[in-house]
PDB file of N, CA and C in Angstrom:
ATOM      1  N   MET A   1      28.088  15.930   8.892  1.00  0.00           N
ATOM      2  CA  MET A   1      26.480  15.694   9.489  1.00  0.00           C
ATOM      3  C   MET A   1      25.853  15.143   8.266  1.00  0.00           C
ATOM      4  N   GLY A   2      24.734  14.544   8.233  1.00  0.00           N
ATOM      5  CA  GLY A   2      23.721  13.810   7.390  1.00  0.00           C
ATOM      6  C   GLY A   2      22.718  14.734   7.304  1.00  0.00           C
ATOM      7  N   THR A   3      21.800  14.469   6.284  1.00  0.00           N
ATOM      8  CA  THR A   3      20.450  15.377   6.295  1.00  0.00           C
ATOM      9  C   THR A   3      19.382  14.228   6.192  1.00  0.00           C
ATOM     10  N   PHE A   4      18.049  14.609   6.512  1.00  0.00           N
ATOM     11  CA  PHE A   4      16.796  13.837   6.211  1.00  0.00           C
ATOM     12  C   PHE A   4      16.439  14.674   5.171  1.00  0.00           C
ATOM     13  N   ALA A   5      16.078  14.034   4.022  1.00  0.00           N
ATOM     14  CA  ALA A   5      15.122  14.698   2.817  1.00  0.00           C
ATOM     15  C   ALA A   5      13.949  14.290   2.761  1.00  0.00           C
ATOM     16  N   ILE A   6      13.046  15.185   2.984  1.00  0.00           N
ATOM     17  CA  ILE A   6      11.619  14.528   2.700  1.00  0.00           C
ATOM     18  C   ILE A   6      11.227  15.095   1.270  1.00  0.00           C
ATOM     19  N   SER A   7      10.542  13.849   0.799  1.00  0.00           N
ATOM     20  CA  SER A   7       9.844  14.192  -0.544  1.00  0.00           C
ATOM     21  C   SER A   7       8.468  13.382  -0.564  1.00  0.00           C
ATOM     22  N   LYS A   8       7.858  13.743  -1.817  1.00  0.00           N
ATOM     23  CA  LYS A   8       6.765  13.347  -2.128  1.00  0.00           C
ATOM     24  C   LYS A   8       6.951  12.155  -3.127  1.00  0.00           C
ATOM     25  N   LYS A   9       6.117  11.052  -3.320  1.00  0.00           N
ATOM     26  CA  LYS A   9       6.446  10.136  -4.269  1.00  0.00           C
ATOM     27  C   LYS A   9       5.742  10.086  -5.359  1.00  0.00           C
ATOM     28  N   GLU A  10       5.385   9.541  -6.382  1.00  0.00           N
ATOM     29  CA  GLU A  10       4.465   9.576  -7.446  1.00  0.00           C
ATOM     30  C   GLU A  10       3.176   9.304  -7.034  1.00  0.00           C
ATOM     31  N   ASN A  11       2.960   8.360  -6.153  1.00  0.00           N
ATOM     32  CA  ASN A  11       1.624   7.990  -5.771  1.00  0.00           C
ATOM     33  C   ASN A  11       1.037   9.197  -4.634  1.00  0.00           C
ATOM     34  N   GLY A  12       1.833  10.109  -4.339  1.00  0.00           N
ATOM     35  CA  GLY A  12       1.482  11.046  -3.107  1.00  0.00           C
ATOM     36  C   GLY A  12       1.754  11.144  -1.970  1.00  0.00           C
ATOM     37  N   LEU A  13       2.273   9.650  -1.703  1.00  0.00           N
ATOM     38  CA  LEU A  13       2.635   9.570  -0.269  1.00  0.00           C
ATOM     39  C   LEU A  13       4.246  10.149   0.108  1.00  0.00           C
ATOM     40  N   ILE A  14       4.315  10.302   1.279  1.00  0.00           N
ATOM     41  CA  ILE A  14       5.690  11.258   1.464  1.00  0.00           C
ATOM     42  C   ILE A  14       6.649  10.154   2.163  1.00  0.00           C
ATOM     43  N   LYS A  15       7.890  10.559   2.076  1.00  0.00           N
ATOM     44  CA  LYS A  15       8.914   9.399   2.445  1.00  0.00           C
ATOM     45  C   LYS A  15       9.947  10.264   2.746  1.00  0.00           C
ATOM     46  N   PHE A  16      10.938   9.596   3.599  1.00  0.00           N
ATOM     47  CA  PHE A  16      12.432  10.358   3.805  1.00  0.00           C
ATOM     48  C   PHE A  16      13.289   9.795   3.612  1.00  0.00           C
ATOM     49  N   GLU A  17      14.490   9.982   3.248  1.00  0.00           N
ATOM     50  CA  GLU A  17      15.733   9.632   2.838  1.00  0.00           C
ATOM     51  C   GLU A  17      16.860  10.205   3.844  1.00  0.00           C
ATOM     52  N   PHE A  18      17.685   9.283   4.376  1.00  0.00           N
ATOM     53  CA  PHE A  18      18.744   9.866   5.318  1.00  0.00           C
ATOM     54  C   PHE A  18      19.976   9.841   4.281  1.00  0.00           C
ATOM     55  N   ASN A  19      20.535  10.916   4.299  1.00  0.00           N
ATOM     56  CA  ASN A  19      21.909  11.078   3.151  1.00  0.00           C
ATOM     57  C   ASN A  19      23.248  11.069   4.217  1.00  0.00           C
ATOM     58  N   SER A  20      24.053  10.556   3.479  1.00  0.00           N
ATOM     59  CA  SER A  20      25.448  10.957   4.177  1.00  0.00           C
ATOM     60  C   SER A  20      25.993  12.134   4.162  1.00  0.00           C
ATOM     61  N   ARG A  21      27.037  12.529   4.918  1.00  0.00           N
ATOM     62  CA  ARG A  21      27.556  13.827   4.603  1.00  0.00           C
ATOM     63  C   ARG A  21      28.066  13.988   3.320  1.00  0.00           C
ATOM     64  N   LYS A  22      28.186  12.854   2.386  1.00  0.00           N
ATOM     65  CA  LYS A  22      28.702  13.013   1.171  1.00  0.00           C
ATOM     66  C   LYS A  22      27.440  13.087   0.157  1.00  0.00           C
ATOM     67  N   GLY A  23      26.427  13.362   0.773  1.00  0.00           N
ATOM     68  CA  GLY A  23      25.097  13.223  -0.118  1.00  0.00           C
ATOM     69  C   GLY A  23      24.480  11.724  -0.719  1.00  0.00           C
ATOM     70  N   LYS A  24      25.187  10.730  -0.164  1.00  0.00           N
ATOM     71  CA  LYS A  24      24.866   9.365  -0.683  1.00  0.00           C
ATOM     72  C   LYS A  24      23.336   9.000   0.069  1.00  0.00           C
ATOM     73  N   THR A  25      22.470   8.417  -0.388  1.00  0.00           N
ATOM     74  CA  THR A  25      21.446   7.905   0.311  1.00  0.00           C
ATOM     75  C   THR A  25      21.685   6.784   1.036  1.00  0.00           C
ATOM     76  N   LEU A  26      21.531   6.666   2.415  1.00  0.00           N
ATOM     77  CA  LEU A  26      21.811   5.413   3.173  1.00  0.00           C
ATOM     78  C   LEU A  26      20.530   4.679   3.468  1.00  0.00           C
ATOM     79  N   LEU A  27      19.600   5.410   3.688  1.00  0.00           N
ATOM     80  CA  LEU A  27      18.447   4.602   4.316  1.00  0.00           C
ATOM     81  C   LEU A  27      17.061   5.375   3.720  1.00  0.00           C
ATOM     82  N   THR A  28      16.130   4.730   3.236  1.00  0.00           N
ATOM     83  CA  THR A  28      14.851   5.210   2.718  1.00  0.00           C
ATOM     84  C   THR A  28      13.707   4.931   3.698  1.00  0.00           C
ATOM     85  N   SER A  29      12.938   5.726   4.214  1.00  0.00           N
ATOM     86  CA  SER A  29      11.819   5.392   4.920  1.00  0.00           C
ATOM     87  C   SER A  29      10.589   4.591   4.284  1.00  0.00           C
ATOM     88  N   GLN A  30       9.852   4.317   5.255  1.00  0.00           N
ATOM     89  CA  GLN A  30       8.363   3.607   4.687  1.00  0.00           C
ATOM     90  C   GLN A  30       7.713   4.936   4.171  1.00  0.00           C
ATOM     91  N   SER A  31       6.705   4.584   3.680  1.00  0.00           N
ATOM     92  CA  SER A  31       5.530   5.641   3.076  1.00  0.00           C
ATOM     93  C   SER A  31       4.765   6.258   4.280  1.00  0.00           C
ATOM     94  N   TYR A  32       4.277   7.373   4.160  1.00  0.00           N
ATOM     95  CA  TYR A  32       3.526   8.166   5.118  1.00  0.00           C
ATOM     96  C   TYR A  32       2.545   8.918   4.153  1.00  0.00           C
ATOM     97  N   LYS A  33       1.410   9.070   5.046  1.00  0.00           N
ATOM     98  CA  LYS A  33       0.172   9.869   4.525  1.00  0.00           C
ATOM     99  C   LYS A  33       0.324  11.267   4.189  1.00  0.00           C
ATOM    100  N   SER A  34       1.083  11.718   5.380  1.00  0.00           N
ATOM    101  CA  SER A  34       1.361  13.263   5.330  1.00  0.00           C
ATOM    102  C   SER A  34       2.759  13.489   5.890  1.00  0.00           C
ATOM    103  N   LYS A  35       3.136  14.850   5.416  1.00  0.00           N
ATOM    104  CA  LYS A  35       4.517  15.331   5.993  1.00  0.00           C
ATOM    105  C   LYS A  35       4.524  15.497   7.180  1.00  0.00           C
ATOM    106  N   GLU A  36       3.471  15.940   8.009  1.00  0.00           N
ATOM    107  CA  GLU A  36       3.551  15.771   9.452  1.00  0.00           C
ATOM    108  C   GLU A  36       4.027  14.697  10.021  1.00  0.00           C
ATOM    109  N   GLU A  37       3.107  13.747   9.563  1.00  0.00           N
ATOM    110  CA  GLU A  37       3.683  12.260  10.111  1.00  0.00           C
ATOM    111  C   GLU A  37       4.705  11.755  10.070  1.00  0.00           C
ATOM    112  N   CYS A  38       5.366  12.119   8.731  1.00  0.00           N
ATOM    113  CA  CYS A  38       6.869  11.781   8.460  1.00  0.00           C
ATOM    114  C   CYS A  38       7.840  12.397   9.439  1.00  0.00           C
ATOM    115  N   GLU A  39       7.562  13.697   9.460  1.00  0.00           N
ATOM    116  CA  GLU A  39       8.331  14.730  10.241  1.00  0.00           C
ATOM    117  C   GLU A  39       8.233  14.079  11.701  1.00  0.00           C
ATOM    118  N   LYS A  40       6.925  13.646  12.260  1.00  0.00           N
ATOM    119  CA  LYS A  40       6.885  13.171  13.509  1.00  0.00           C
ATOM    120  C   LYS A  40       7.804  11.974  13.628  1.00  0.00           C
ATOM    121  N   ASP A  41       7.759  11.038  13.027  1.00  0.00           N
ATOM    122  CA  ASP A  41       8.611   9.661  12.797  1.00  0.00           C
ATOM    123  C   ASP A  41      10.063  10.111  12.902  1.00  0.00           C
ATOM    124  N   ILE A  42      10.483  11.106  12.384  1.00  0.00           N
ATOM    125  CA  ILE A  42      11.871  11.388  12.103  1.00  0.00           C
ATOM    126  C   ILE A  42      12.218  11.757  13.260  1.00  0.00           C
ATOM    127  N   LEU A  43      11.499  12.978  13.793  1.00  0.00           N
ATOM    128  CA  LEU A  43      11.839  13.350  15.329  1.00  0.00           C
ATOM    129  C   LEU A  43      12.048  12.294  16.406  1.00  0.00           C
ATOM    130  N   TYR A  44      10.912  11.284  16.135  1.00  0.00           N
ATOM    131  CA  TYR A  44      10.813  10.097  17.303  1.00  0.00           C
ATOM    132  C   TYR A  44      12.093   9.380  17.287  1.00  0.00           C
ATOM    133  N   LEU A  45      12.305   9.005  15.854  1.00  0.00           N
ATOM    134  CA  LEU A  45      13.852   8.344  15.564  1.00  0.00           C
ATOM    135  C   LEU A  45      14.889   9.069  16.043  1.00  0.00           C
ATOM    136  N   LYS A  46      14.858  10.277  15.856  1.00  0.00           N
ATOM    137  CA  LYS A  46      16.249  11.168  16.173  1.00  0.00           C
ATOM    138  C   LYS A  46      16.316  10.864  17.630  1.00  0.00           C
ATOM    139  N   GLU A  47      15.372  10.926  18.648  1.00  0.00           N
ATOM    140  CA  GLU A  47      15.447  10.944  19.958  1.00  0.00           C
ATOM    141  C   GLU A  47      15.919   9.455  20.494  1.00  0.00           C
ATOM    142  N   ARG A  48      15.469   8.553  19.662  1.00  0.00           N
ATOM    143  CA  ARG A  48      15.608   7.094  20.269  1.00  0.00           C
ATOM    144  C   ARG A  48      16.816   6.590  19.612  1.00  0.00           C
ATOM    145  N   VAL A  49      17.648   6.760  18.679  1.00  0.00           N
ATOM    146  CA  VAL A  49      18.657   6.427  17.687  1.00  0.00           C
ATOM    147  C   VAL A  49      19.428   5.303  18.669  1.00  0.00           C
ATOM    148  N   GLU A  50      19.834   5.643  19.895  1.00  0.00           N
ATOM    149  CA  GLU A  50      20.538   4.568  20.610  1.00  0.00           C
ATOM    150  C   GLU A  50      19.715   3.475  21.134  1.00  0.00           C
ATOM    151  N   ASN A  51      18.616   3.492  20.877  1.00  0.00           N
ATOM    152  CA  ASN A  51      17.797   2.103  21.029  1.00  0.00           C
ATOM    153  C   ASN A  51      17.182   1.488  19.845  1.00  0.00           C
ATOM    154  N   VAL A  52      17.508   1.914  18.493  1.00  0.00           N
ATOM    155  CA  VAL A  52      16.885   1.259  17.338  1.00  0.00           C
ATOM    156  C   VAL A  52      18.037   0.063  17.087  1.00  0.00           C
ATOM    157  N   SER A  53      17.517  -0.812  16.708  1.00  0.00           N
ATOM    158  CA  SER A  53      18.022  -1.801  15.779  1.00  0.00           C
ATOM    159  C   SER A  53      18.531  -1.976  14.478  1.00  0.00           C
ATOM    160  N   PHE A  54      19.620  -2.189  14.098  1.00  0.00           N
ATOM    161  CA  PHE A  54      19.818  -2.317  12.691  1.00  0.00           C
ATOM    162  C   PHE A  54      19.806  -3.719  12.331  1.00  0.00           C
ATOM    163  N   LEU A  55      18.986  -4.179  11.481  1.00  0.00           N
ATOM    164  CA  LEU A  55      19.461  -5.729  11.107  1.00  0.00           C
ATOM    165  C   LEU A  55      19.894  -5.985   9.884  1.00  0.00           C
ATOM    166  N   LYS A  56      21.193  -6.578   9.830  1.00  0.00           N
ATOM    167  CA  LYS A  56      21.835  -7.065   8.641  1.00  0.00           C
ATOM    168  C   LYS A  56      21.037  -7.959   7.614  1.00  0.00           C
ATOM    169  N   PHE A  57      21.316  -7.842   6.413  1.00  0.00           N
ATOM    170  CA  PHE A  57      20.801  -9.001   5.526  1.00  0.00           C
ATOM    171  C   PHE A  57      21.804  -8.903   4.310  1.00  0.00           C
ATOM    172  N   LYS A  58      21.690  -9.907   3.635  1.00  0.00           N
ATOM    173  CA  LYS A  58      22.216 -10.356   2.245  1.00  0.00           C
ATOM    174  C   LYS A  58      21.726 -10.743   1.516  1.00  0.00           C
ATOM    175  N   THR A  59      21.526 -10.100   0.045  1.00  0.00           N
ATOM    176  CA  THR A  59      20.590 -10.458  -0.835  1.00  0.00           C
ATOM    177  C   THR A  59      21.495 -11.760  -1.699  1.00  0.00           C
ATOM    178  N   PRO A  60      20.534 -12.506  -2.292  1.00  0.00           N
ATOM    179  CA  PRO A  60      20.983 -13.770  -3.176  1.00  0.00           C
ATOM    180  C   PRO A  60      22.240 -12.996  -4.404  1.00  0.00           C
ATOM    181  N   ALA A  61      22.244 -11.941  -4.447  1.00  0.00           N
ATOM    182  CA  ALA A  61      23.333 -11.383  -5.556  1.00  0.00           C
ATOM    183  C   ALA A  61      24.374 -10.963  -4.498  1.00  0.00           C
ATOM    184  N   GLY A  62      24.381 -11.131  -3.436  1.00  0.00           N
ATOM    185  CA  GLY A  62      25.682 -10.603  -2.715  1.00  0.00           C
ATOM    186  C   GLY A  62      25.748  -9.266  -2.261  1.00  0.00           C
ATOM    187  N   LYS A  63      24.987  -8.507  -2.203  1.00  0.00           N
ATOM    188  CA  LYS A  63      24.853  -7.089  -1.666  1.00  0.00           C
ATOM    189  C   LYS A  63      24.364  -7.347  -0.303  1.00  0.00           C
ATOM    190  N   PHE A  64      24.753  -6.250   0.282  1.00  0.00           N
ATOM    191  CA  PHE A  64      24.163  -6.092   1.638  1.00  0.00           C
ATOM    192  C   PHE A  64      23.645  -5.195   2.223  1.00  0.00           C
ATOM    193  N   PHE A  65      22.583  -5.072   3.002  1.00  0.00           N
ATOM    194  CA  PHE A  65      21.643  -4.036   3.684  1.00  0.00           C
ATOM    195  C   PHE A  65      21.371  -4.400   4.925  1.00  0.00           C
ATOM    196  N   PHE A  66      20.586  -2.789   5.467  1.00  0.00           N
ATOM    197  CA  PHE A  66      20.090  -3.038   6.690  1.00  0.00           C
ATOM    198  C   PHE A  66      18.729  -2.639   6.973  1.00  0.00           C
ATOM    199  N   LYS A  67      17.956  -3.014   8.161  1.00  0.00           N
ATOM    200  CA  LYS A  67      16.671  -2.363   8.095  1.00  0.00           C
ATOM    201  C   LYS A  67      16.699  -1.797   9.581  1.00  0.00           C
ATOM    202  N   LEU A  68      16.152  -0.646   9.498  1.00  0.00           N
ATOM    203  CA  LEU A  68      16.243   0.247  10.984  1.00  0.00           C
ATOM    204  C   LEU A  68      14.911  -0.239  11.700  1.00  0.00           C
ATOM    205  N   ILE A  69      14.782  -0.830  12.785  1.00  0.00           N
ATOM    206  CA  ILE A  69      13.998  -1.241  13.556  1.00  0.00           C
ATOM    207  C   ILE A  69      13.768  -0.792  14.967  1.00  0.00           C
ATOM    208  N   HIS A  70      12.511  -0.303  15.329  1.00  0.00           N
ATOM    209  CA  HIS A  70      12.479   0.227  16.798  1.00  0.00           C
ATOM    210  C   HIS A  70      10.788  -0.498  17.111  1.00  0.00           C
ATOM    211  N   ASP A  71      10.798  -0.791  18.443  1.00  0.00           N
ATOM    212  CA  ASP A  71       9.749  -1.351  18.818  1.00  0.00           C
ATOM    213  C   ASP A  71       9.109  -2.570  17.982  1.00  0.00           C
ATOM    214  N   GLY A  72       9.923  -3.105  17.063  1.00  0.00           N
ATOM    215  CA  GLY A  72       9.123  -4.218  16.119  1.00  0.00           C
ATOM    216  C   GLY A  72       8.700  -3.758  15.134  1.00  0.00           C
ATOM    217  N   HIS A  73       8.906  -2.639  14.805  1.00  0.00           N
ATOM    218  CA  HIS A  73       8.141  -1.498  13.422  1.00  0.00           C
ATOM    219  C   HIS A  73       9.595  -1.297  12.253  1.00  0.00           C
ATOM    220  N   ILE A  74       9.448  -1.757  11.343  1.00  0.00           N
ATOM    221  CA  ILE A  74      10.390  -1.277  10.419  1.00  0.00           C
ATOM    222  C   ILE A  74      10.273  -0.016   9.837  1.00  0.00           C
ATOM    223  N   HIS A  75      11.300   1.111  10.157  1.00  0.00           N
ATOM    224  CA  HIS A  75      10.996   2.440  10.024  1.00  0.00           C
ATOM    225  C   HIS A  75      11.908   2.735   8.545  1.00  0.00           C
ATOM    226  N   GLY A  76      12.882   2.056   8.051  1.00  0.00           N
ATOM    227  CA  GLY A  76      13.354   2.071   6.705  1.00  0.00           C
ATOM    228  C   GLY A  76      14.459   0.819   6.449  1.00  0.00           C
ATOM    229  N   ILE A  77      14.537   1.028   5.235  1.00  0.00           N
ATOM    230  CA  ILE A  77      15.572   0.069   4.474  1.00  0.00           C
ATOM    231  C   ILE A  77      16.577   1.010   4.049  1.00  0.00           C
ATOM    232  N   SER A  78      17.846   0.293   4.080  1.00  0.00           N
ATOM    233  CA  SER A  78      19.177   0.925   3.864  1.00  0.00           C
ATOM    234  C   SER A  78      19.149   0.660   2.091  1.00  0.00           C
ATOM    235  N   ARG A  79      20.185   1.475   1.425  1.00  0.00           N
ATOM    236  CA  ARG A  79      20.250   0.853   0.072  1.00  0.00           C
ATOM    237  C   ARG A  79      21.354  -0.196   0.088  1.00  0.00           C
ATOM    238  N   LYS A  80      21.693  -0.758  -0.969  1.00  0.00           N
ATOM    239  CA  LYS A  80      22.528  -1.959  -1.149  1.00  0.00           C
ATOM    240  C   LYS A  80      23.857  -1.481  -1.097  1.00  0.00           C
ATOM    241  N   PHE A  81      24.689  -2.179  -0.472  1.00  0.00           N
ATOM    242  CA  PHE A  81      26.192  -1.998  -0.083  1.00  0.00           C
ATOM    243  C   PHE A  81      26.828  -3.132  -1.022  1.00  0.00           C
ATOM    244  N   THR A  82      28.128  -2.855  -1.624  1.00  0.00           N
ATOM    245  CA  THR A  82      28.854  -4.431  -2.314  1.00  0.00           C
ATOM    246  C   THR A  82      29.865  -4.684  -1.419  1.00  0.00           C
ATOM    247  N   THR A  83      30.059  -4.449  -0.088  1.00  0.00           N
ATOM    248  CA  THR A  83      30.946  -4.951   0.617  1.00  0.00           C
ATOM    249  C   THR A  83      30.492  -5.025   2.321  1.00  0.00           C
ATOM    250  N   GLU A  84      30.792  -5.781   2.892  1.00  0.00           N
ATOM    251  CA  GLU A  84      30.162  -5.761   4.508  1.00  0.00           C
ATOM    252  C   GLU A  84      31.153  -4.354   5.082  1.00  0.00           C
ATOM    253  N   LEU A  85      32.163  -4.240   4.606  1.00  0.00           N
ATOM    254  CA  LEU A  85      32.937  -2.901   5.304  1.00  0.00           C
ATOM    255  C   LEU A  85      32.222  -1.755   4.697  1.00  0.00           C
ATOM    256  N   LEU A  86      31.526  -1.697   3.541  1.00  0.00           N
ATOM    257  CA  LEU A  86      30.653  -0.397   3.013  1.00  0.00           C
ATOM    258  C   LEU A  86      29.549  -0.493   4.237  1.00  0.00           C
ATOM    259  N   LEU A  87      28.990  -1.592   4.356  1.00  0.00           N
ATOM    260  CA  LEU A  87      27.813  -1.649   5.217  1.00  0.00           C
ATOM    261  C   LEU A  87      28.228  -0.970   6.563  1.00  0.00           C
ATOM    262  N   ALA A  88      29.068  -1.437   7.006  1.00  0.00           N
ATOM    263  CA  ALA A  88      29.704  -1.203   8.572  1.00  0.00           C
ATOM    264  C   ALA A  88      29.819   0.342   8.368  1.00  0.00           C
ATOM    265  N   LYS A  89      30.597   0.793   7.455  1.00  0.00           N
ATOM    266  CA  LYS A  89      30.557   2.520   7.222  1.00  0.00           C
ATOM    267  C   LYS A  89      29.456   3.011   7.124  1.00  0.00           C
ATOM    268  N   GLY A  90      28.524   2.550   6.669  1.00  0.00           N
ATOM    269  CA  GLY A  90      27.202   3.069   6.627  1.00  0.00           C
ATOM    270  C   GLY A  90      26.341   3.151   7.793  1.00  0.00           C
ATOM    271  N   LEU A  91      26.557   2.168   8.520  1.00  0.00           N
ATOM    272  CA  LEU A  91      25.958   1.823   9.765  1.00  0.00           C
ATOM    273  C   LEU A  91      26.411   2.990  10.865  1.00  0.00           C
ATOM    274  N   ASP A  92      27.891   3.148  10.868  1.00  0.00           N
ATOM    275  CA  ASP A  92      28.393   3.919  11.556  1.00  0.00           C
ATOM    276  C   ASP A  92      28.115   5.566  11.526  1.00  0.00           C
ATOM    277  N   GLU A  93      28.022   5.763  10.144  1.00  0.00           N
ATOM    278  CA  GLU A  93      27.425   7.087   9.747  1.00  0.00           C
ATOM    279  C   GLU A  93      26.150   7.266  10.569  1.00  0.00           C
ATOM    280  N   MET A  94      25.392   6.411  10.067  1.00  0.00           N
ATOM    281  CA  MET A  94      24.111   6.216  11.031  1.00  0.00           C
ATOM    282  C   MET A  94      23.895   6.794  12.253  1.00  0.00           C
ATOM    283  N   LYS A  95      24.626   5.851  13.031  1.00  0.00           N
ATOM    284  CA  LYS A  95      24.859   6.146  14.446  1.00  0.00           C
ATOM    285  C   LYS A  95      25.297   7.098  15.164  1.00  0.00           C
ATOM    286  N   ASN A  96      26.438   7.663  14.127  1.00  0.00           N
ATOM    287  CA  ASN A  96      27.256   9.108  14.294  1.00  0.00           C
ATOM    288  C   ASN A  96      26.666  10.269  14.180  1.00  0.00           C
ATOM    289  N   ASN A  97      25.757  10.019  12.999  1.00  0.00           N
ATOM    290  CA  ASN A  97      25.142  11.383  12.695  1.00  0.00           C
ATOM    291  C   ASN A  97      23.651  11.684  12.530  1.00  0.00           C
ATOM    292  N   PHE A  98      22.750  10.621  12.822  1.00  0.00           N
ATOM    293  CA  PHE A  98      21.409  10.340  12.689  1.00  0.00           C
ATOM    294  C   PHE A  98      20.912  11.787  13.420  1.00  0.00           C
ATOM    295  N   SER A  99      21.408  11.617  14.906  1.00  0.00           N
ATOM    296  CA  SER A  99      20.295  12.706  15.882  1.00  0.00           C
ATOM    297  C   SER A  99      20.676  13.918  15.625  1.00  0.00           C
ATOM    298  N   GLU A 100      21.891  14.436  15.167  1.00  0.00           N
ATOM    299  CA  GLU A 100      22.216  15.674  14.606  1.00  0.00           C
ATOM    300  C   GLU A 100      21.846  16.553  13.494  1.00  0.00           C
ATOM    301  N   SER A 101      21.293  15.450  12.545  1.00  0.00           N
ATOM    302  CA  SER A 101      21.385  15.762  11.243  1.00  0.00           C
ATOM    303  C   SER A 101      19.745  16.841  10.919  1.00  0.00           C
ATOM    304  N   GLU A 102      19.880  17.527  10.011  1.00  0.00           N
ATOM    305  CA  GLU A 102      18.951  18.438   9.548  1.00  0.00           C
ATOM    306  C   GLU A 102      17.943  17.878   8.902  1.00  0.00           C
ATOM    307  N   ILE A 103      16.758  18.542   8.887  1.00  0.00           N
ATOM    308  CA  ILE A 103      15.385  17.824   8.164  1.00  0.00           C
ATOM    309  C   ILE A 103      15.283  19.117   6.989  1.00  0.00           C
ATOM    310  N   LEU A 104      15.369  18.504   5.713  1.00  0.00           N
ATOM    311  CA  LEU A 104      15.235  19.483   4.443  1.00  0.00           C
ATOM    312  C   LEU A 104      13.790  18.873   3.797  1.00  0.00           C
ATOM    313  N   ASP A 105      12.910  19.770   3.548  1.00  0.00           N
ATOM    314  CA  ASP A 105      11.523  19.301   2.973  1.00  0.00           C
ATOM    315  C   ASP A 105      11.346  19.647   1.598  1.00  0.00           C
ATOM    316  N   PHE A 106      11.651  18.846   0.846  1.00  0.00           N
ATOM    317  CA  PHE A 106      11.507  18.880  -0.723  1.00  0.00           C
ATOM    318  C   PHE A 106      10.064  18.241  -1.063  1.00  0.00           C
ATOM    319  N   SER A 107       9.216  18.278  -0.346  1.00  0.00           N
ATOM    320  CA  SER A 107       7.617  17.654  -0.660  1.00  0.00           C
ATOM    321  C   SER A 107       6.862  18.342  -1.428  1.00  0.00           C
ATOM    322  N   GLU A 108       6.882  19.870  -1.225  1.00  0.00           N
ATOM    323  CA  GLU A 108       5.782  20.572  -1.861  1.00  0.00           C
ATOM    324  C   GLU A 108       6.168  20.776  -3.379  1.00  0.00           C
ATOM    325  N   ASP A 109       5.267  20.978  -4.338  1.00  0.00           N
ATOM    326  CA  ASP A 109       5.271  21.332  -5.541  1.00  0.00           C
ATOM    327  C   ASP A 109       5.618  22.611  -5.980  1.00  0.00           C
ATOM    328  N   ILE A 110       6.677  22.841  -5.982  1.00  0.00           N
ATOM    329  CA  ILE A 110       7.084  24.259  -6.190  1.00  0.00           C
ATOM    330  C   ILE A 110       7.498  24.288  -7.443  1.00  0.00           C
ATOM    331  N   PHE A 111       7.288  25.309  -8.261  1.00  0.00           N
ATOM    332  CA  PHE A 111       7.788  25.255  -9.603  1.00  0.00           C
ATOM    333  C   PHE A 111       8.250  26.767  -9.887  1.00  0.00           C
ATOM    334  N   PHE A 112       9.051  27.045 -10.810  1.00  0.00           N
ATOM    335  CA  PHE A 112       9.687  28.211 -10.840  1.00  0.00           C
ATOM    336  C   PHE A 112       9.446  28.847 -12.411  1.00  0.00           C
ATOM    337  N   ASP A 113       8.810  30.002 -12.738  1.00  0.00           N
ATOM    338  CA  ASP A 113       8.924  30.256 -14.149  1.00  0.00           C
ATOM    339  C   ASP A 113      10.132  30.848 -14.503  1.00  0.00           C
TER     340      ASP A 113
END
């Protein structure tokens, strides 16, 4: 099962990453103003994963990636894959594990003494 890791960016905005069972980041979300907005979008996508589109692209350098789109809105962009086979495996992992994946929150500034 994969995980959604919520974290705070350097500019203070919130994002989530969808990580594979092996811990590799497969997708990074757009930026959100609040953790609640980010969590709401994760739950929205989890409920509609059968209806989202995965548009595939190739960079000028020959790497492959995809964008997760629902209702014309880009919710996230994948990492770059070196081959089409790795891209296909990443997409399969997203489709098979997205809706059951747990949400981990790393957005709070917690420091230990």
